[in-house]
C-alpha atoms as a PDB file:
ATOM      1  CA  MET A   1      75.218  95.957  96.918  1.00  0.00           C
ATOM      2  CA  PRO A   2      75.767  99.386  97.522  1.00  0.00           C
ATOM      3  CA  LEU A   3      78.093 100.998 100.465  1.00  0.00           C
ATOM      4  CA  ASN A   4      76.316 102.388 103.256  1.00  0.00           C
ATOM      5  CA  ASP A   5      78.359 104.480 105.569  1.00  0.00           C
ATOM      6  CA  ARG A   6      78.796 101.721 107.810  1.00  0.00           C
ATOM      7  CA  ASP A   7      80.534 100.168 105.890  1.00  0.00           C
ATOM      8  CA  THR A   8      82.501 102.792 104.574  1.00  0.00           C
ATOM      9  CA  GLN A   9      83.573 103.082 107.159  1.00  0.00           C
ATOM     10  CA  TYR A  10      84.916 100.652 108.636  1.00  0.00           C
ATOM     11  CA  LEU A  11      86.752  99.966 105.071  1.00  0.00           C
ATOM     12  CA  ARG A  12      88.300 103.452 106.259  1.00  0.00           C
ATOM     13  CA  ARG A  13      89.643 101.957 109.533  1.00  0.00           C
ATOM     14  CA  ALA A  14      90.524  99.354 107.482  1.00  0.00           C
ATOM     15  CA  LEU A  15      92.847 101.303 105.381  1.00  0.00           C
ATOM     16  CA  ASP A  16      94.031 103.079 108.254  1.00  0.00           C
ATOM     17  CA  LEU A  17      95.090 100.075 110.059  1.00  0.00           C
ATOM     18  CA  ALA A  18      96.685  98.870 106.748  1.00  0.00           C
ATOM     19  CA  GLU A  19      99.176 102.397 105.816  1.00  0.00           C
ATOM     20  CA  ARG A  20     100.527 101.059 110.126  1.00  0.00           C
ATOM     21  CA  ARG A  21     103.289  99.128 107.544  1.00  0.00           C
ATOM     22  CA  ARG A  22     103.934 101.405 105.698  1.00  0.00           C
ATOM     23  CA  GLY A  23     107.758 100.665 103.716  1.00  0.00           C
ATOM     24  CA  CYS A  24     107.585  97.501 105.863  1.00  0.00           C
ATOM     25  CA  THR A  25     105.852  94.555 103.620  1.00  0.00           C
ATOM     26  CA  ASN A  26     108.335  94.295 100.146  1.00  0.00           C
ATOM     27  CA  PRO A  27     107.015  92.175  98.139  1.00  0.00           C
ATOM     28  CA  ASN A  28     103.451  92.292  99.523  1.00  0.00           C
ATOM     29  CA  PRO A  29     100.570  94.723  99.953  1.00  0.00           C
ATOM     30  CA  LEU A  30      99.201  96.946 102.347  1.00  0.00           C
ATOM     31  CA  VAL A  31      96.083  95.008 103.761  1.00  0.00           C
ATOM     32  CA  GLY A  32      93.830  95.991 106.658  1.00  0.00           C
ATOM     33  CA  ALA A  33      90.625  94.163 107.825  1.00  0.00           C
ATOM     34  CA  VAL A  34      88.194  94.729 109.871  1.00  0.00           C
ATOM     35  CA  VAL A  35      85.616  92.059 111.883  1.00  0.00           C
ATOM     36  CA  VAL A  36      82.465  92.600 112.630  1.00  0.00           C
ATOM     37  CA  ALA A  37      79.260  91.605 113.543  1.00  0.00           C
ATOM     38  CA  GLU A  38      75.953  92.609 114.810  1.00  0.00           C
ATOM     39  CA  GLY A  39      76.874  96.679 114.135  1.00  0.00           C
ATOM     40  CA  GLN A  40      80.013  95.891 116.700  1.00  0.00           C
ATOM     41  CA  ILE A  41      84.327  95.730 115.507  1.00  0.00           C
ATOM     42  CA  LEU A  42      85.238  92.065 117.084  1.00  0.00           C
ATOM     43  CA  GLY A  43      88.594  92.942 115.562  1.00  0.00           C
ATOM     44  CA  GLU A  44      91.003  94.164 113.464  1.00  0.00           C
ATOM     45  CA  GLY A  45      94.466  92.906 112.148  1.00  0.00           C
ATOM     46  CA  PHE A  46      97.418  94.476 108.767  1.00  0.00           C
ATOM     47  CA  HIS A  47      99.256  92.565 107.311  1.00  0.00           C
ATOM     48  CA  ILE A  48     102.683  93.395 109.015  1.00  0.00           C
ATOM     49  CA  GLY A  49     105.078  91.637 105.969  1.00  0.00           C
ATOM     50  CA  PRO A  50     106.274  88.006 104.122  1.00  0.00           C
ATOM     51  CA  GLY A  51     105.680  85.034 106.119  1.00  0.00           C
ATOM     52  CA  ARG A  52     103.461  86.825 108.570  1.00  0.00           C
ATOM     53  CA  ASP A  53      99.536  86.548 109.421  1.00  0.00           C
ATOM     54  CA  HIS A  54      97.159  88.206 106.151  1.00  0.00           C
ATOM     55  CA  ALA A  55      95.754  90.600 106.873  1.00  0.00           C
ATOM     56  CA  GLU A  56      92.036  88.738 107.373  1.00  0.00           C
ATOM     57  CA  VAL A  57      93.604  86.400 109.381  1.00  0.00           C
ATOM     58  CA  ALA A  58      94.649  88.573 111.897  1.00  0.00           C
ATOM     59  CA  ALA A  59      91.772  90.641 112.471  1.00  0.00           C
ATOM     60  CA  MET A  60      90.754  86.927 113.444  1.00  0.00           C
ATOM     61  CA  LYS A  61      93.374  86.105 115.667  1.00  0.00           C
ATOM     62  CA  ASP A  62      92.548  89.595 116.975  1.00  0.00           C
ATOM     63  CA  ALA A  63      88.813  89.034 118.152  1.00  0.00           C
ATOM     64  CA  LEU A  64      89.906  86.073 119.647  1.00  0.00           C
ATOM     65  CA  ARG A  65      92.233  86.994 122.084  1.00  0.00           C
ATOM     66  CA  ARG A  66      89.462  89.574 122.801  1.00  0.00           C
ATOM     67  CA  GLN A  67      87.238  86.720 123.479  1.00  0.00           C
ATOM     68  CA  GLY A  68      90.366  85.655 125.885  1.00  0.00           C
ATOM     69  CA  VAL A  69      91.662  82.978 123.782  1.00  0.00           C
ATOM     70  CA  PRO A  70      94.777  83.242 125.444  1.00  0.00           C
ATOM     71  CA  GLU A  71      98.563  83.103 123.012  1.00  0.00           C
ATOM     72  CA  SER A  72      98.627  79.659 122.635  1.00  0.00           C
ATOM     73  CA  ARG A  73      96.647  78.544 121.095  1.00  0.00           C
ATOM     74  CA  LEU A  74      96.040  80.770 117.983  1.00  0.00           C
ATOM     75  CA  SER A  75      99.181  79.204 116.097  1.00  0.00           C
ATOM     76  CA  GLU A  76      97.883  75.470 115.408  1.00  0.00           C
ATOM     77  CA  ASP A  77      94.341  74.425 114.342  1.00  0.00           C
ATOM     78  CA  TRP A  78      93.743  78.435 115.727  1.00  0.00           C
ATOM     79  CA  LEU A  79      90.512  78.723 113.583  1.00  0.00           C
ATOM     80  CA  ALA A  80      89.237  75.906 115.841  1.00  0.00           C
ATOM     81  CA  THR A  81      88.655  77.818 118.464  1.00  0.00           C
ATOM     82  CA  ALA A  82      86.480  80.454 117.144  1.00  0.00           C
ATOM     83  CA  GLY A  83      83.363  78.176 117.434  1.00  0.00           C
ATOM     84  CA  HIS A  84      80.759  80.018 115.903  1.00  0.00           C
ATOM     85  CA  LEU A  85      82.234  83.789 116.419  1.00  0.00           C
ATOM     86  CA  PHE A  86      82.151  84.880 113.014  1.00  0.00           C
ATOM     87  CA  ARG A  87      78.662  82.992 112.463  1.00  0.00           C
ATOM     88  CA  GLY A  88      77.317  85.422 109.748  1.00  0.00           C
ATOM     89  CA  GLY A  89      79.271  88.552 110.695  1.00  0.00           C
ATOM     90  CA  THR A  90      81.435  90.349 107.809  1.00  0.00           C
ATOM     91  CA  MET A  91      84.660  90.921 107.068  1.00  0.00           C
ATOM     92  CA  TYR A  92      86.175  94.469 106.161  1.00  0.00           C
ATOM     93  CA  VAL A  93      89.631  94.056 103.790  1.00  0.00           C
ATOM     94  CA  THR A  94      91.265  96.642 101.747  1.00  0.00           C
ATOM     95  CA  LEU A  95      92.500  93.791  99.852  1.00  0.00           C
ATOM     96  CA  GLU A  96      90.808  91.847  97.036  1.00  0.00           C
ATOM     97  CA  PRO A  97      91.340  88.384 100.018  1.00  0.00           C
ATOM     98  CA  CYS A  98      93.875  86.088  98.053  1.00  0.00           C
ATOM     99  CA  CYS A  99      93.399  82.284  97.271  1.00  0.00           C
ATOM    100  CA  THR A 100      97.129  80.917  96.027  1.00  0.00           C
ATOM    101  CA  TYR A 101      98.750  79.149  98.009  1.00  0.00           C
ATOM    102  CA  GLY A 102     102.765  80.845  99.352  1.00  0.00           C
ATOM    103  CA  ARG A 103     104.461  80.842 102.443  1.00  0.00           C
ATOM    104  CA  THR A 104     100.745  80.973 103.978  1.00  0.00           C
ATOM    105  CA  PRO A 105      97.464  78.776 103.473  1.00  0.00           C
ATOM    106  CA  PRO A 106      95.000  81.457 101.875  1.00  0.00           C
ATOM    107  CA  CYS A 107      92.977  83.733 103.245  1.00  0.00           C
ATOM    108  CA  THR A 108      89.607  82.788 100.538  1.00  0.00           C
ATOM    109  CA  GLU A 109      90.142  79.377 102.955  1.00  0.00           C
ATOM    110  CA  SER A 110      90.236  80.337 106.117  1.00  0.00           C
ATOM    111  CA  LEU A 111      87.397  83.228 105.745  1.00  0.00           C
ATOM    112  CA  ILE A 112      84.622  79.886 104.472  1.00  0.00           C
ATOM    113  CA  ALA A 113      85.862  77.847 107.062  1.00  0.00           C
ATOM    114  CA  ALA A 114      84.967  80.817 110.097  1.00  0.00           C
ATOM    115  CA  GLY A 115      81.462  80.917 107.709  1.00  0.00           C
ATOM    116  CA  PHE A 116      81.676  84.706 106.683  1.00  0.00           C
ATOM    117  CA  GLY A 117      78.384  85.401 105.481  1.00  0.00           C
ATOM    118  CA  ARG A 118      79.774  89.024 103.881  1.00  0.00           C
ATOM    119  CA  VAL A 119      83.207  89.878 102.560  1.00  0.00           C
ATOM    120  CA  VAL A 120      83.159  93.798 101.876  1.00  0.00           C
ATOM    121  CA  VAL A 121      86.521  94.717  99.746  1.00  0.00           C
ATOM    122  CA  ALA A 122      88.054  97.827  98.775  1.00  0.00           C
ATOM    123  CA  ALA A 123      90.469  97.007  95.680  1.00  0.00           C
ATOM    124  CA  ILE A 124      90.088  94.156  93.898  1.00  0.00           C
ATOM    125  CA  ASP A 125      94.223  92.304  92.988  1.00  0.00           C
ATOM    126  CA  PRO A 126      95.635  92.903  90.124  1.00  0.00           C
ATOM    127  CA  THR A 127      98.471  90.027  91.006  1.00  0.00           C
ATOM    128  CA  PRO A 128      97.213  86.929  88.775  1.00  0.00           C
ATOM    129  CA  GLY A 129      95.683  84.333  89.974  1.00  0.00           C
ATOM    130  CA  VAL A 130      94.383  86.231  91.948  1.00  0.00           C
ATOM    131  CA  ASN A 131      92.310  89.313  89.748  1.00  0.00           C
ATOM    132  CA  GLY A 132      88.547  88.478  90.701  1.00  0.00           C
ATOM    133  CA  ARG A 133      89.104  84.972  92.057  1.00  0.00           C
ATOM    134  CA  GLY A 134      89.284  85.438  94.588  1.00  0.00           C
ATOM    135  CA  LEU A 135      85.714  86.745  95.075  1.00  0.00           C
ATOM    136  CA  GLU A 136      84.401  84.562  92.453  1.00  0.00           C
ATOM    137  CA  LEU A 137      85.199  81.467  94.956  1.00  0.00           C
ATOM    138  CA  LEU A 138      83.639  83.639  98.392  1.00  0.00           C
ATOM    139  CA  ARG A 139      80.641  83.942  96.279  1.00  0.00           C
ATOM    140  CA  ALA A 140      80.975  80.084  95.231  1.00  0.00           C
ATOM    141  CA  ALA A 141      80.333  78.874  99.036  1.00  0.00           C
ATOM    142  CA  GLY A 142      77.645  81.409  99.301  1.00  0.00           C
ATOM    143  CA  MET A 143      78.960  84.619 100.662  1.00  0.00           C
ATOM    144  CA  GLU A 144      77.697  88.621  99.945  1.00  0.00           C
ATOM    145  CA  VAL A 145      80.534  90.032  98.470  1.00  0.00           C
ATOM    146  CA  ASP A 146      80.978  93.133  97.753  1.00  0.00           C
ATOM    147  CA  VAL A 147      83.578  95.731  96.924  1.00  0.00           C
ATOM    148  CA  ALA A 148      83.719  99.804  96.792  1.00  0.00           C
ATOM    149  CA  GLU A 149      83.426 102.068  94.485  1.00  0.00           C
ATOM    150  CA  GLY A 150      84.783 105.872  94.488  1.00  0.00           C
ATOM    151  CA  ASP A 151      86.853 107.718  96.930  1.00  0.00           C
ATOM    152  CA  VAL A 152      87.484 104.204  99.633  1.00  0.00           C
ATOM    153  CA  ALA A 153      88.062 102.308  95.989  1.00  0.00           C
ATOM    154  CA  LEU A 154      90.870 105.190  94.900  1.00  0.00           C
ATOM    155  CA  LEU A 155      92.921 105.521  98.338  1.00  0.00           C
ATOM    156  CA  ALA A 156      92.559 101.659  98.839  1.00  0.00           C
ATOM    157  CA  LYS A 157      93.865 101.522  94.512  1.00  0.00           C
ATOM    158  CA  ARG A 158      96.896 104.471  95.692  1.00  0.00           C
ATOM    159  CA  GLN A 159      97.587 102.603  98.917  1.00  0.00           C
ATOM    160  CA  ASN A 160      99.284  99.811  97.093  1.00  0.00           C
ATOM    161  CA  GLU A 161     100.066 101.736  94.024  1.00  0.00           C
ATOM    162  CA  GLY A 162     103.568 100.424  93.599  1.00  0.00           C
ATOM    163  CA  MET A 163     102.996  97.106  93.543  1.00  0.00           C
ATOM    164  CA  ARG A 164     100.174  97.663  90.720  1.00  0.00           C
ATOM    165  CA  ARG A 165     102.736  99.201  88.785  1.00  0.00           C
ATOM    166  CA  ALA A 166     104.515  97.005  88.980  1.00  0.00           C
ATOM    167  CA  VAL A 167     101.942  93.815  89.101  1.00  0.00           C
ATOM    168  CA  THR A 168     100.570  95.545  85.227  1.00  0.00           C
ATOM    169  CA  THR A 169     102.859  96.535  83.557  1.00  0.00           C
ATOM    170  CA  GLY A 170     107.147  95.256  85.334  1.00  0.00           C
ATOM    171  CA  LEU A 171     107.966  98.631  85.931  1.00  0.00           C
ATOM    172  CA  PRO A 172     108.520 100.930  89.242  1.00  0.00           C
ATOM    173  CA  PHE A 173     106.228 103.090  90.319  1.00  0.00           C
ATOM    174  CA  VAL A 174     108.519 106.071  90.387  1.00  0.00           C
ATOM    175  CA  THR A 175     107.983 109.279  92.402  1.00  0.00           C
ATOM    176  CA  TYR A 176     110.326 112.021  91.020  1.00  0.00           C
ATOM    177  CA  LYS A 177     111.298 114.194  94.409  1.00  0.00           C
ATOM    178  CA  TYR A 178     113.114 117.220  93.287  1.00  0.00           C
ATOM    179  CA  ALA A 179     113.108 121.494  95.055  1.00  0.00           C
ATOM    180  CA  LEU A 180     113.994 124.558  92.690  1.00  0.00           C
ATOM    181  CA  THR A 181     114.230 128.269  94.255  1.00  0.00           C
ATOM    182  CA  LEU A 182     110.991 130.558  92.308  1.00  0.00           C
ATOM    183  CA  ASP A 183     113.154 131.141  89.296  1.00  0.00           C
ATOM    184  CA  GLY A 184     113.060 127.569  88.305  1.00  0.00           C
ATOM    185  CA  ARG A 185     116.698 126.036  89.164  1.00  0.00           C
ATOM    186  CA  THR A 186     117.459 123.875  91.839  1.00  0.00           C
ATOM    187  CA  ALA A 187     120.576 124.453  91.951  1.00  0.00           C
ATOM    188  CA  THR A 188     123.248 127.420  91.547  1.00  0.00           C
ATOM    189  CA  ASP A 189     125.641 127.400  88.855  1.00  0.00           C
ATOM    190  CA  SER A 190     128.979 125.833  91.049  1.00  0.00           C
ATOM    191  CA  GLY A 191     126.118 122.749  90.940  1.00  0.00           C
ATOM    192  CA  ASP A 192     125.704 123.289  95.098  1.00  0.00           C
ATOM    193  CA  SER A 193     121.647 122.861  95.821  1.00  0.00           C
ATOM    194  CA  ARG A 194     121.632 121.438  99.431  1.00  0.00           C
ATOM    195  CA  TRP A 195     120.202 125.468 100.972  1.00  0.00           C
ATOM    196  CA  ILE A 196     117.628 125.687  99.026  1.00  0.00           C
ATOM    197  CA  SER A 197     116.014 122.501 100.418  1.00  0.00           C
ATOM    198  CA  SER A 198     114.370 123.243 104.629  1.00  0.00           C
ATOM    199  CA  GLU A 199     114.434 121.632 107.494  1.00  0.00           C
ATOM    200  CA  GLU A 200     111.398 120.413 106.931  1.00  0.00           C
ATOM    201  CA  SER A 201     111.288 119.380 103.361  1.00  0.00           C
ATOM    202  CA  ARG A 202     114.404 116.754 105.277  1.00  0.00           C
ATOM    203  CA  ARG A 203     112.549 115.313 107.436  1.00  0.00           C
ATOM    204  CA  LEU A 204     110.109 114.627 104.826  1.00  0.00           C
ATOM    205  CA  VAL A 205     112.368 113.306 102.421  1.00  0.00           C
ATOM    206  CA  HIS A 206     113.769 110.848 104.855  1.00  0.00           C
ATOM    207  CA  ARG A 207     110.264 109.250 105.375  1.00  0.00           C
ATOM    208  CA  TRP A 208     109.307 108.965 101.953  1.00  0.00           C
ATOM    209  CA  ARG A 209     112.843 107.359 102.206  1.00  0.00           C
ATOM    210  CA  ALA A 210     111.523 104.580 104.449  1.00  0.00           C
ATOM    211  CA  TRP A 211     108.599 104.120 102.348  1.00  0.00           C
ATOM    212  CA  SER A 212     110.406 103.580  99.354  1.00  0.00           C
ATOM    213  CA  ASP A 213     111.990  99.759  97.887  1.00  0.00           C
ATOM    214  CA  ALA A 214     114.893 102.410  96.575  1.00  0.00           C
ATOM    215  CA  VAL A 215     116.672 105.011  95.963  1.00  0.00           C
ATOM    216  CA  VAL A 216     118.341 106.204  93.073  1.00  0.00           C
ATOM    217  CA  VAL A 217     120.007 108.500  91.552  1.00  0.00           C
ATOM    218  CA  GLY A 218     122.891 109.206  88.727  1.00  0.00           C
ATOM    219  CA  ALA A 219     126.348 109.176  88.591  1.00  0.00           C
ATOM    220  CA  GLY A 220     126.229 112.729  89.245  1.00  0.00           C
ATOM    221  CA  THR A 221     124.261 113.721  91.813  1.00  0.00           C
ATOM    222  CA  ALA A 222     126.458 110.657  93.384  1.00  0.00           C
ATOM    223  CA  LEU A 223     129.463 112.869  92.491  1.00  0.00           C
ATOM    224  CA  THR A 224     128.378 115.886  92.896  1.00  0.00           C
ATOM    225  CA  ASP A 225     126.857 115.521  96.226  1.00  0.00           C
ATOM    226  CA  ASP A 226     128.402 112.710  97.560  1.00  0.00           C
ATOM    227  CA  PRO A 227     124.496 111.347  99.486  1.00  0.00           C
ATOM    228  CA  THR A 228     123.803 108.853 101.310  1.00  0.00           C
ATOM    229  CA  LEU A 229     120.610 108.233 100.580  1.00  0.00           C
ATOM    230  CA  THR A 230     119.396 106.526 103.611  1.00  0.00           C
ATOM    231  CA  ALA A 231     116.653 107.237 106.329  1.00  0.00           C
ATOM    232  CA  ARG A 232     117.572 109.369 109.425  1.00  0.00           C
ATOM    233  CA  GLY A 233     115.351 110.062 111.908  1.00  0.00           C
ATOM    234  CA  ILE A 234     112.745 108.464 111.848  1.00  0.00           C
ATOM    235  CA  PRO A 235     111.597 104.273 113.056  1.00  0.00           C
ATOM    236  CA  CYS A 236     112.810 102.907 110.098  1.00  0.00           C
ATOM    237  CA  GLU A 237     112.685  98.504 109.532  1.00  0.00           C
ATOM    238  CA  ARG A 238     114.395  98.525 107.016  1.00  0.00           C
ATOM    239  CA  GLN A 239     116.517 101.191 104.216  1.00  0.00           C
ATOM    240  CA  PRO A 240     115.475 101.165 100.610  1.00  0.00           C
ATOM    241  CA  LEU A 241     117.809  99.862  98.321  1.00  0.00           C
ATOM    242  CA  ARG A 242     120.405 102.483  97.040  1.00  0.00           C
ATOM    243  CA  VAL A 243     120.987 102.469  93.519  1.00  0.00           C
ATOM    244  CA  VAL A 244     123.613 104.903  91.236  1.00  0.00           C
ATOM    245  CA  VAL A 245     122.051 104.914  87.481  1.00  0.00           C
ATOM    246  CA  ASP A 246     126.191 104.649  86.743  1.00  0.00           C
ATOM    247  CA  ARG A 247     126.927 103.720  82.659  1.00  0.00           C
ATOM    248  CA  GLY A 248     130.807 104.755  83.858  1.00  0.00           C
ATOM    249  CA  LEU A 249     131.274 103.379  86.470  1.00  0.00           C
ATOM    250  CA  THR A 250     132.569 106.254  88.413  1.00  0.00           C
ATOM    251  CA  LEU A 251     131.411 105.716  92.092  1.00  0.00           C
ATOM    252  CA  LYS A 252     134.389 106.932  94.372  1.00  0.00           C
ATOM    253  CA  ARG A 253     135.636 104.051  97.178  1.00  0.00           C
ATOM    254  CA  ASP A 254     136.195 107.717  99.612  1.00  0.00           C
ATOM    255  CA  SER A 255     132.253 108.161  98.745  1.00  0.00           C
ATOM    256  CA  ASN A 256     129.105 108.070 101.364  1.00  0.00           C
ATOM    257  CA  LEU A 257     127.931 105.518  99.795  1.00  0.00           C
ATOM    258  CA  MET A 258     130.563 103.569  99.744  1.00  0.00           C
ATOM    259  CA  ARG A 259     131.226 104.154 103.311  1.00  0.00           C
ATOM    260  CA  SER A 260     127.920 102.963 104.468  1.00  0.00           C
ATOM    261  CA  LEU A 261     127.395  99.761 103.325  1.00  0.00           C
ATOM    262  CA  ASP A 262     126.968  98.345 106.785  1.00  0.00           C
ATOM    263  CA  ALA A 263     123.633 100.289 106.490  1.00  0.00           C
ATOM    264  CA  GLY A 264     122.197  98.270 103.139  1.00  0.00           C
ATOM    265  CA  PRO A 265     123.605  97.298  99.730  1.00  0.00           C
ATOM    266  CA  VAL A 266     124.284  99.801  96.925  1.00  0.00           C
ATOM    267  CA  VAL A 267     123.490  98.928  93.054  1.00  0.00           C
ATOM    268  CA  LEU A 268     125.366 100.321  90.303  1.00  0.00           C
ATOM    269  CA  ILE A 269     123.933 100.259  87.141  1.00  0.00           C
ATOM    270  CA  CYS A 270     126.208 100.761  84.588  1.00  0.00           C
ATOM    271  CA  GLY A 271     126.231  99.805  81.013  1.00  0.00           C
ATOM    272  CA  ASP A 272     126.609  95.956  78.880  1.00  0.00           C
ATOM    273  CA  ASP A 273     129.430  97.441  77.197  1.00  0.00           C
ATOM    274  CA  ALA A 274     130.952  98.534  80.885  1.00  0.00           C
ATOM    275  CA  ASP A 275     134.429  97.328  81.519  1.00  0.00           C
ATOM    276  CA  ALA A 276     134.906  93.791  83.425  1.00  0.00           C
ATOM    277  CA  GLU A 277     138.145  94.526  85.201  1.00  0.00           C
ATOM    278  CA  ARG A 278     135.925  97.549  86.672  1.00  0.00           C
ATOM    279  CA  ARG A 279     133.272  96.106  87.336  1.00  0.00           C
ATOM    280  CA  SER A 280     134.693  93.607  89.279  1.00  0.00           C
ATOM    281  CA  GLU A 281     136.525  96.178  91.581  1.00  0.00           C
ATOM    282  CA  LEU A 282     133.647  97.223  92.667  1.00  0.00           C
ATOM    283  CA  GLU A 283     132.139  94.735  93.445  1.00  0.00           C
ATOM    284  CA  SER A 284     135.085  93.120  95.340  1.00  0.00           C
ATOM    285  CA  TRP A 285     134.419  96.851  97.576  1.00  0.00           C
ATOM    286  CA  GLY A 286     131.424  95.150  98.371  1.00  0.00           C
ATOM    287  CA  VAL A 287     129.021  97.043  95.717  1.00  0.00           C
ATOM    288  CA  GLU A 288     126.580  94.875  92.798  1.00  0.00           C
ATOM    289  CA  THR A 289     127.171  95.920  89.531  1.00  0.00           C
ATOM    290  CA  ALA A 290     124.767  95.417  87.603  1.00  0.00           C
ATOM    291  CA  ALA A 291     124.462  96.145  83.549  1.00  0.00           C
ATOM    292  CA  VAL A 292     121.763  96.707  81.222  1.00  0.00           C
ATOM    293  CA  ALA A 293     120.825  97.804  77.627  1.00  0.00           C
ATOM    294  CA  CYS A 294     122.583 100.968  76.095  1.00  0.00           C
ATOM    295  CA  GLY A 295     119.393 103.025  75.068  1.00  0.00           C
ATOM    296  CA  ASP A 296     119.910 106.056  71.221  1.00  0.00           C
ATOM    297  CA  GLY A 297     122.808 108.039  71.713  1.00  0.00           C
ATOM    298  CA  GLY A 298     124.656 105.844  74.378  1.00  0.00           C
ATOM    299  CA  ALA A 299     122.654 106.786  77.737  1.00  0.00           C
ATOM    300  CA  LEU A 300     121.127 103.694  79.704  1.00  0.00           C
ATOM    301  CA  ASP A 301     117.481 102.746  78.751  1.00  0.00           C
ATOM    302  CA  PRO A 302     115.167 103.444  81.241  1.00  0.00           C
ATOM    303  CA  VAL A 303     113.195 101.153  80.889  1.00  0.00           C
ATOM    304  CA  ALA A 304     115.678  98.418  81.165  1.00  0.00           C
ATOM    305  CA  VAL A 305     116.636  99.437  84.274  1.00  0.00           C
ATOM    306  CA  GLY A 306     113.558  99.944  85.155  1.00  0.00           C
ATOM    307  CA  ARG A 307     112.949  96.390  84.885  1.00  0.00           C
ATOM    308  CA  PHE A 308     115.812  95.187  86.846  1.00  0.00           C
ATOM    309  CA  LEU A 309     114.545  96.872  90.238  1.00  0.00           C
ATOM    310  CA  VAL A 310     111.434  95.058  89.840  1.00  0.00           C
ATOM    311  CA  ASN A 311     113.074  91.832  88.875  1.00  0.00           C
ATOM    312  CA  ARG A 312     114.837  92.504  91.540  1.00  0.00           C
ATOM    313  CA  GLY A 313     112.247  92.871  93.928  1.00  0.00           C
ATOM    314  CA  VAL A 314     112.086  96.320  93.821  1.00  0.00           C
ATOM    315  CA  GLN A 315     107.887  98.275  93.313  1.00  0.00           C
ATOM    316  CA  THR A 316     108.235 101.589  94.763  1.00  0.00           C
ATOM    317  CA  VAL A 317     111.049 104.500  93.762  1.00  0.00           C
ATOM    318  CA  LEU A 318     112.073 107.558  95.322  1.00  0.00           C
ATOM    319  CA  LEU A 319     114.302 109.480  91.723  1.00  0.00           C
ATOM    320  CA  GLU A 320     116.189 112.317  93.230  1.00  0.00           C
ATOM    321  CA  GLY A 321     118.487 112.559  90.369  1.00  0.00           C
ATOM    322  CA  GLY A 322     119.102 115.669  88.246  1.00  0.00           C
ATOM    323  CA  PRO A 323     117.697 116.915  85.398  1.00  0.00           C
ATOM    324  CA  THR A 324     119.459 114.453  82.930  1.00  0.00           C
ATOM    325  CA  LEU A 325     118.180 111.030  84.496  1.00  0.00           C
ATOM    326  CA  ALA A 326     114.527 112.529  85.500  1.00  0.00           C
ATOM    327  CA  GLY A 327     114.532 113.737  81.786  1.00  0.00           C
ATOM    328  CA  ALA A 328     115.395 110.692  80.600  1.00  0.00           C
ATOM    329  CA  TRP A 329     112.593 108.789  82.935  1.00  0.00           C
ATOM    330  CA  TRP A 330     110.213 111.203  82.622  1.00  0.00           C
ATOM    331  CA  ASN A 331     110.714 110.838  78.581  1.00  0.00           C
ATOM    332  CA  ALA A 332     110.388 107.705  77.883  1.00  0.00           C
ATOM    333  CA  GLY A 333     107.604 107.063  80.269  1.00  0.00           C
ATOM    334  CA  LEU A 334     108.402 106.344  83.925  1.00  0.00           C
ATOM    335  CA  ILE A 335     107.717 108.956  86.529  1.00  0.00           C
ATOM    336  CA  ASP A 336     104.378 108.140  87.925  1.00  0.00           C
ATOM    337  CA  LYS A 337     104.382 110.936  90.382  1.00  0.00           C
ATOM    338  CA  VAL A 338     105.994 114.315  90.926  1.00  0.00           C
ATOM    339  CA  ALA A 339     107.105 115.968  94.412  1.00  0.00           C
ATOM    340  CA  ALA A 340     108.329 119.389  94.827  1.00  0.00           C
ATOM    341  CA  PHE A 341     109.270 122.134  96.834  1.00  0.00           C
ATOM    342  CA  VAL A 342     109.357 125.432  96.005  1.00  0.00           C
ATOM    343  CA  CYS A 343     111.944 127.424  98.029  1.00  0.00           C
ATOM    344  CA  PRO A 344     110.991 130.938  98.469  1.00  0.00           C
ATOM    345  CA  ARG A 345     114.629 132.661  96.822  1.00  0.00           C
ATOM    346  CA  ILE A 346     115.692 133.738  93.041  1.00  0.00           C
ATOM    347  CA  VAL A 347     118.778 132.896  92.365  1.00  0.00           C
ATOM    348  CA  SER A 348     120.632 134.080  89.227  1.00  0.00           C
ATOM    349  CA  GLY A 349     122.957 132.086  86.719  1.00  0.00           C
ATOM    350  CA  THR A 350     124.118 130.514  83.145  1.00  0.00           C
ATOM    351  CA  GLN A 351     123.333 127.911  83.483  1.00  0.00           C
ATOM    352  CA  ASN A 352     120.669 125.457  82.788  1.00  0.00           C
ATOM    353  CA  ARG A 353     119.535 124.203  86.317  1.00  0.00           C
ATOM    354  CA  ALA A 354     115.845 123.273  85.163  1.00  0.00           C
ATOM    355  CA  PRO A 355     114.446 120.335  87.187  1.00  0.00           C
ATOM    356  CA  LEU A 356     113.332 118.250  83.791  1.00  0.00           C
END
């Protein structure tokens, strides 16, 4: 049946809860849940990360805590302590409940055992093995199941756009970030680009890095800008995978990427014709190397790079490379979103410094 304003309100609350773990749940999606009975919120929850309670279970356990159930009784056989608390209630959840066994049991089984009368879902989970099957199991158990439409559904899909892209295409969701001047230049003729960005934009980029599974640059950016590519100045539970698309394996040993290996791994993606001795040398320094096929003109095939990243566990990419790399990814259809910072300045020059 169509959702009413209260339904939408609870789903939006669940979306807000899920967002608290942005950048921390990979390879699992962001999920939030709210338990409601007789017009009152009994409990709320969100998925913390792999191997931890899913949002639906977290919300039910929160409800039990609010009822005074001690933490010691919320481990094994925790649902037995609920009695009739959830009987006939409504579970609001941002993503279709899982119905397969993984690190945790299926949420569909917990919802059925708890006796919920209704489940309201913001978005279907496109993962093979789920993709509507979870809802079918709930309906078969006698529950009323409703799926959101309109703005709330769109928000829920966008919340896990990386997971959706990876699951449905085998490619990551890529955001291309760049800064440019009013006359459309991303750097001076000397290649200097750091002055274009502001302190505010740099803080935002660090947040985006923390939210991304990987940050990708090309060999030119790695050599010219000598970036670290870590998320700094903000709370961050894990650093993104730092990736350099570097067919010639040109990264220097004294680069900032090499100096910061203790912050997280660095992967150099080279061609399948790369020098084996050079790869071994780089790996002895502590970086990872991976070879992919070369496309037309001898450049690395962007699609092959994207598929490698997904196989490596990457769902979301922040592309911080220059125009050569960005242009190749754009032409290959790999860029899903563009984030551009425009500096209110004009700089003259003779070299082409456009973002694409």
